[in-house]
């Protein structure tokens, strides 16, 4: 089996980010691999030509498991993946800007190239009960995630990015 061109690395606490990541993979087809952040290893990053990072925003930053993935993989791939394409999808309770900015800062060190606007789904969870409750992502946003996956693979396959 050949390695997929796109690695979709995700973490989810309430189901929203997982649904978004799965939609990205649906759009990308067999050219994408869905990889949980907890199991992501440097080899996964090295073998892919592009990435979509999908996670919730927690306390105005990316989720801890996604940060742990970056911490664990950062130095082993530093200097080895420059110029590769990336995109992000964030499940947010409010604006998602903190998680987005944090991911962008980290991947700047890897010299990755953003090739799509961020997808930030505001689920408006503002109470402790709403924040902790399982989430359902509206179909419109899952369609956006599928479109992102398809566009990422097409761009990688055509050598556009």
C-alpha atoms as a PDB file:
ATOM      1  CA  UNK A   1       0.000   0.000   0.000  1.00  0.00           C
ATOM      2  CA  UNK A   2       1.348   3.430  -0.880  1.00  0.00           C
ATOM      3  CA  UNK A   3       1.363   6.158   1.719  1.00  0.00           C
ATOM      4  CA  UNK A   4      -1.479   8.672   1.402  1.00  0.00           C
ATOM      5  CA  UNK A   5      -0.582  12.154   0.258  1.00  0.00           C
ATOM      6  CA  UNK A   6      -2.646  13.815   3.016  1.00  0.00           C
ATOM      7  CA  UNK A   7      -2.435  13.256   6.770  1.00  0.00           C
ATOM      8  CA  UNK A   8      -5.535  14.411   8.666  1.00  0.00           C
ATOM      9  CA  UNK A   9      -4.443  14.722  12.278  1.00  0.00           C
ATOM     10  CA  UNK A  10      -7.224  15.245  14.780  1.00  0.00           C
ATOM     11  CA  UNK A  11      -8.278  15.358  18.386  1.00  0.00           C
ATOM     12  CA  UNK A  12     -11.818  15.651  19.719  1.00  0.00           C
ATOM     13  CA  UNK A  13     -13.417  15.811  23.126  1.00  0.00           C
ATOM     14  CA  UNK A  14     -17.091  16.026  22.230  1.00  0.00           C
ATOM     15  CA  UNK A  15     -17.259  14.590  18.719  1.00  0.00           C
ATOM     16  CA  UNK A  16     -17.295  17.781  16.634  1.00  0.00           C
ATOM     17  CA  UNK A  17     -13.639  17.741  15.609  1.00  0.00           C
ATOM     18  CA  UNK A  18     -13.758  14.033  14.894  1.00  0.00           C
ATOM     19  CA  UNK A  19     -16.754  14.510  12.595  1.00  0.00           C
ATOM     20  CA  UNK A  20     -14.937  17.356  10.837  1.00  0.00           C
ATOM     21  CA  UNK A  21     -11.769  15.270  10.398  1.00  0.00           C
ATOM     22  CA  UNK A  22     -13.765  12.325   9.066  1.00  0.00           C
ATOM     23  CA  UNK A  23     -15.470  14.655   6.572  1.00  0.00           C
ATOM     24  CA  UNK A  24     -12.059  15.904   5.360  1.00  0.00           C
ATOM     25  CA  UNK A  25     -11.023  12.284   4.765  1.00  0.00           C
ATOM     26  CA  UNK A  26     -14.308  11.516   2.983  1.00  0.00           C
ATOM     27  CA  UNK A  27     -13.595  14.369   0.598  1.00  0.00           C
ATOM     28  CA  UNK A  28     -10.000  13.276   0.073  1.00  0.00           C
ATOM     29  CA  UNK A  29     -10.840   9.622  -0.492  1.00  0.00           C
ATOM     30  CA  UNK A  30      -8.141   6.972  -0.395  1.00  0.00           C
ATOM     31  CA  UNK A  31      -5.414   9.614  -0.664  1.00  0.00           C
ATOM     32  CA  UNK A  32      -5.891  10.636   2.979  1.00  0.00           C
ATOM     33  CA  UNK A  33      -5.145   8.987   6.271  1.00  0.00           C
ATOM     34  CA  UNK A  34      -7.044   9.836   9.462  1.00  0.00           C
ATOM     35  CA  UNK A  35      -4.610   9.850  12.395  1.00  0.00           C
ATOM     36  CA  UNK A  36      -5.536  10.568  16.007  1.00  0.00           C
ATOM     37  CA  UNK A  37      -3.218  13.162  17.540  1.00  0.00           C
ATOM     38  CA  UNK A  38      -2.397  10.772  20.392  1.00  0.00           C
ATOM     39  CA  UNK A  39      -1.036   8.215  17.915  1.00  0.00           C
ATOM     40  CA  UNK A  40       0.669  10.584  15.496  1.00  0.00           C
ATOM     41  CA  UNK A  41       4.364   9.878  15.115  1.00  0.00           C
ATOM     42  CA  UNK A  42       7.043  11.808  13.200  1.00  0.00           C
ATOM     43  CA  UNK A  43       6.947   9.084  10.521  1.00  0.00           C
ATOM     44  CA  UNK A  44       3.321  10.000   9.744  1.00  0.00           C
ATOM     45  CA  UNK A  45       4.328  13.591   9.099  1.00  0.00           C
ATOM     46  CA  UNK A  46       7.391  12.631   7.079  1.00  0.00           C
ATOM     47  CA  UNK A  47       5.456  10.253   4.819  1.00  0.00           C
ATOM     48  CA  UNK A  48       2.672  12.713   3.927  1.00  0.00           C
ATOM     49  CA  UNK A  49       2.927  15.574   1.442  1.00  0.00           C
ATOM     50  CA  UNK A  50       0.285  17.702   3.148  1.00  0.00           C
ATOM     51  CA  UNK A  51      -1.630  18.021   6.386  1.00  0.00           C
ATOM     52  CA  UNK A  52      -4.972  19.052   7.801  1.00  0.00           C
ATOM     53  CA  UNK A  53      -4.923  19.678  11.548  1.00  0.00           C
ATOM     54  CA  UNK A  54      -8.366  19.385  13.177  1.00  0.00           C
ATOM     55  CA  UNK A  55      -9.074  20.066  16.839  1.00  0.00           C
ATOM     56  CA  UNK A  56     -11.346  21.877  19.253  1.00  0.00           C
ATOM     57  CA  UNK A  57     -10.515  25.157  20.834  1.00  0.00           C
ATOM     58  CA  UNK A  58     -10.253  24.758  24.603  1.00  0.00           C
ATOM     59  CA  UNK A  59      -9.789  27.780  26.855  1.00  0.00           C
ATOM     60  CA  UNK A  60      -8.817  29.963  23.862  1.00  0.00           C
ATOM     61  CA  UNK A  61      -6.108  27.580  22.625  1.00  0.00           C
ATOM     62  CA  UNK A  62      -5.789  24.283  20.814  1.00  0.00           C
ATOM     63  CA  UNK A  63      -6.645  21.195  22.776  1.00  0.00           C
ATOM     64  CA  UNK A  64      -3.873  19.743  24.934  1.00  0.00           C
ATOM     65  CA  UNK A  65      -3.664  16.477  22.987  1.00  0.00           C
ATOM     66  CA  UNK A  66      -3.007  18.361  19.741  1.00  0.00           C
ATOM     67  CA  UNK A  67      -0.341  20.451  21.499  1.00  0.00           C
ATOM     68  CA  UNK A  68       1.218  17.224  22.794  1.00  0.00           C
ATOM     69  CA  UNK A  69       1.384  15.911  19.218  1.00  0.00           C
ATOM     70  CA  UNK A  70       3.231  19.037  18.105  1.00  0.00           C
ATOM     71  CA  UNK A  71       5.556  18.822  21.139  1.00  0.00           C
ATOM     72  CA  UNK A  72       6.359  15.163  20.447  1.00  0.00           C
ATOM     73  CA  UNK A  73       6.855  15.514  16.692  1.00  0.00           C
ATOM     74  CA  UNK A  74       8.302  19.002  16.351  1.00  0.00           C
ATOM     75  CA  UNK A  75      12.040  18.375  16.572  1.00  0.00           C
ATOM     76  CA  UNK A  76      12.154  14.992  14.825  1.00  0.00           C
ATOM     77  CA  UNK A  77      10.700  16.542  11.645  1.00  0.00           C
ATOM     78  CA  UNK A  78      12.232  20.025  11.917  1.00  0.00           C
ATOM     79  CA  UNK A  79      14.093  20.827   8.711  1.00  0.00           C
ATOM     80  CA  UNK A  80      12.556  17.857   6.896  1.00  0.00           C
ATOM     81  CA  UNK A  81       9.064  18.992   5.852  1.00  0.00           C
ATOM     82  CA  UNK A  82       9.524  22.615   4.734  1.00  0.00           C
ATOM     83  CA  UNK A  83       7.180  23.889   2.064  1.00  0.00           C
ATOM     84  CA  UNK A  84       4.546  21.212   2.529  1.00  0.00           C
ATOM     85  CA  UNK A  85       0.903  22.258   2.398  1.00  0.00           C
ATOM     86  CA  UNK A  86      -1.376  22.518   5.416  1.00  0.00           C
ATOM     87  CA  UNK A  87      -4.856  23.614   6.386  1.00  0.00           C
ATOM     88  CA  UNK A  88      -6.830  23.666   9.617  1.00  0.00           C
ATOM     89  CA  UNK A  89     -10.337  23.032  10.890  1.00  0.00           C
ATOM     90  CA  UNK A  90     -11.298  24.165  14.393  1.00  0.00           C
ATOM     91  CA  UNK A  91     -14.430  23.352  16.399  1.00  0.00           C
ATOM     92  CA  UNK A  92     -14.959  26.370  18.627  1.00  0.00           C
ATOM     93  CA  UNK A  93     -17.301  27.432  21.365  1.00  0.00           C
ATOM     94  CA  UNK A  94     -16.819  31.057  20.411  1.00  0.00           C
ATOM     95  CA  UNK A  95     -14.316  32.367  17.847  1.00  0.00           C
ATOM     96  CA  UNK A  96     -11.559  29.751  17.440  1.00  0.00           C
ATOM     97  CA  UNK A  97      -8.922  32.425  16.843  1.00  0.00           C
ATOM     98  CA  UNK A  98      -6.701  31.344  19.736  1.00  0.00           C
ATOM     99  CA  UNK A  99      -6.386  27.744  18.571  1.00  0.00           C
ATOM    100  CA  UNK A 100      -5.879  28.884  14.996  1.00  0.00           C
ATOM    101  CA  UNK A 101      -3.117  31.311  15.945  1.00  0.00           C
ATOM    102  CA  UNK A 102      -1.372  28.719  18.089  1.00  0.00           C
ATOM    103  CA  UNK A 103      -1.264  26.136  15.285  1.00  0.00           C
ATOM    104  CA  UNK A 104      -0.100  28.749  12.781  1.00  0.00           C
ATOM    105  CA  UNK A 105       2.766  29.808  15.077  1.00  0.00           C
ATOM    106  CA  UNK A 106       3.956  26.241  15.544  1.00  0.00           C
ATOM    107  CA  UNK A 107       3.864  25.245  11.877  1.00  0.00           C
ATOM    108  CA  UNK A 108       5.659  28.461  10.936  1.00  0.00           C
ATOM    109  CA  UNK A 109       8.695  26.860  12.592  1.00  0.00           C
ATOM    110  CA  UNK A 110       8.283  23.879  10.278  1.00  0.00           C
ATOM    111  CA  UNK A 111       7.981  26.295   7.333  1.00  0.00           C
ATOM    112  CA  UNK A 112       4.688  24.764   6.215  1.00  0.00           C
ATOM    113  CA  UNK A 113       2.592  26.628   3.645  1.00  0.00           C
ATOM    114  CA  UNK A 114      -1.059  27.411   4.384  1.00  0.00           C
ATOM    115  CA  UNK A 115      -3.035  26.581   1.240  1.00  0.00           C
ATOM    116  CA  UNK A 116      -6.637  27.086   2.403  1.00  0.00           C
ATOM    117  CA  UNK A 117      -8.496  29.482   4.628  1.00  0.00           C
ATOM    118  CA  UNK A 118      -9.139  28.080   8.114  1.00  0.00           C
ATOM    119  CA  UNK A 119     -12.466  26.397   8.719  1.00  0.00           C
ATOM    120  CA  UNK A 120     -13.710  27.535  12.116  1.00  0.00           C
ATOM    121  CA  UNK A 121     -17.060  26.157  13.222  1.00  0.00           C
ATOM    122  CA  UNK A 122     -18.553  28.186  16.061  1.00  0.00           C
ATOM    123  CA  UNK A 123     -20.819  25.843  17.994  1.00  0.00           C
ATOM    124  CA  UNK A 124     -21.704  28.583  20.518  1.00  0.00           C
ATOM    125  CA  UNK A 125     -21.121  26.412  23.575  1.00  0.00           C
ATOM    126  CA  UNK A 126     -20.757  28.859  26.456  1.00  0.00           C
ATOM    127  CA  UNK A 127     -21.998  27.109  29.593  1.00  0.00           C
ATOM    128  CA  UNK A 128     -20.159  24.239  31.302  1.00  0.00           C
ATOM    129  CA  UNK A 129     -22.990  21.890  30.338  1.00  0.00           C
ATOM    130  CA  UNK A 130     -22.953  22.972  26.683  1.00  0.00           C
ATOM    131  CA  UNK A 131     -19.156  22.846  26.488  1.00  0.00           C
ATOM    132  CA  UNK A 132     -19.029  19.273  27.806  1.00  0.00           C
ATOM    133  CA  UNK A 133     -22.026  17.989  25.811  1.00  0.00           C
ATOM    134  CA  UNK A 134     -21.591  15.858  22.677  1.00  0.00           C
ATOM    135  CA  UNK A 135     -21.644  18.038  19.554  1.00  0.00           C
ATOM    136  CA  UNK A 136     -23.252  17.718  16.153  1.00  0.00           C
ATOM    137  CA  UNK A 137     -21.643  19.709  13.353  1.00  0.00           C
ATOM    138  CA  UNK A 138     -24.131  21.286  10.924  1.00  0.00           C
ATOM    139  CA  UNK A 139     -24.160  19.634   7.482  1.00  0.00           C
ATOM    140  CA  UNK A 140     -23.030  22.867   5.819  1.00  0.00           C
ATOM    141  CA  UNK A 141     -19.745  22.742   7.745  1.00  0.00           C
ATOM    142  CA  UNK A 142     -19.212  19.045   7.116  1.00  0.00           C
ATOM    143  CA  UNK A 143     -19.618  19.811   3.400  1.00  0.00           C
ATOM    144  CA  UNK A 144     -16.941  22.511   3.770  1.00  0.00           C
ATOM    145  CA  UNK A 145     -14.649  19.949   5.389  1.00  0.00           C
ATOM    146  CA  UNK A 146     -15.270  17.453   2.572  1.00  0.00           C
ATOM    147  CA  UNK A 147     -14.510  20.177   0.024  1.00  0.00           C
ATOM    148  CA  UNK A 148     -11.297  20.990   1.879  1.00  0.00           C
ATOM    149  CA  UNK A 149     -10.184  17.357   1.733  1.00  0.00           C
ATOM    150  CA  UNK A 150     -10.920  17.127  -1.991  1.00  0.00           C
ATOM    151  CA  UNK A 151      -9.130  20.407  -2.731  1.00  0.00           C
ATOM    152  CA  UNK A 152      -6.093  19.461  -0.665  1.00  0.00           C
ATOM    153  CA  UNK A 153      -5.633  16.139  -2.454  1.00  0.00           C
ATOM    154  CA  UNK A 154      -6.220  17.644  -5.872  1.00  0.00           C
ATOM    155  CA  UNK A 155      -3.703  20.413  -5.221  1.00  0.00           C
ATOM    156  CA  UNK A 156      -1.132  17.922  -3.943  1.00  0.00           C
ATOM    157  CA  UNK A 157      -1.691  15.506  -6.821  1.00  0.00           C
ATOM    158  CA  UNK A 158      -1.404  18.275  -9.433  1.00  0.00           C
ATOM    159  CA  UNK A 159       1.692  19.746  -7.789  1.00  0.00           C
ATOM    160  CA  UNK A 160      -0.017  23.099  -7.223  1.00  0.00           C
ATOM    161  CA  UNK A 161       1.229  23.036  -3.637  1.00  0.00           C
END
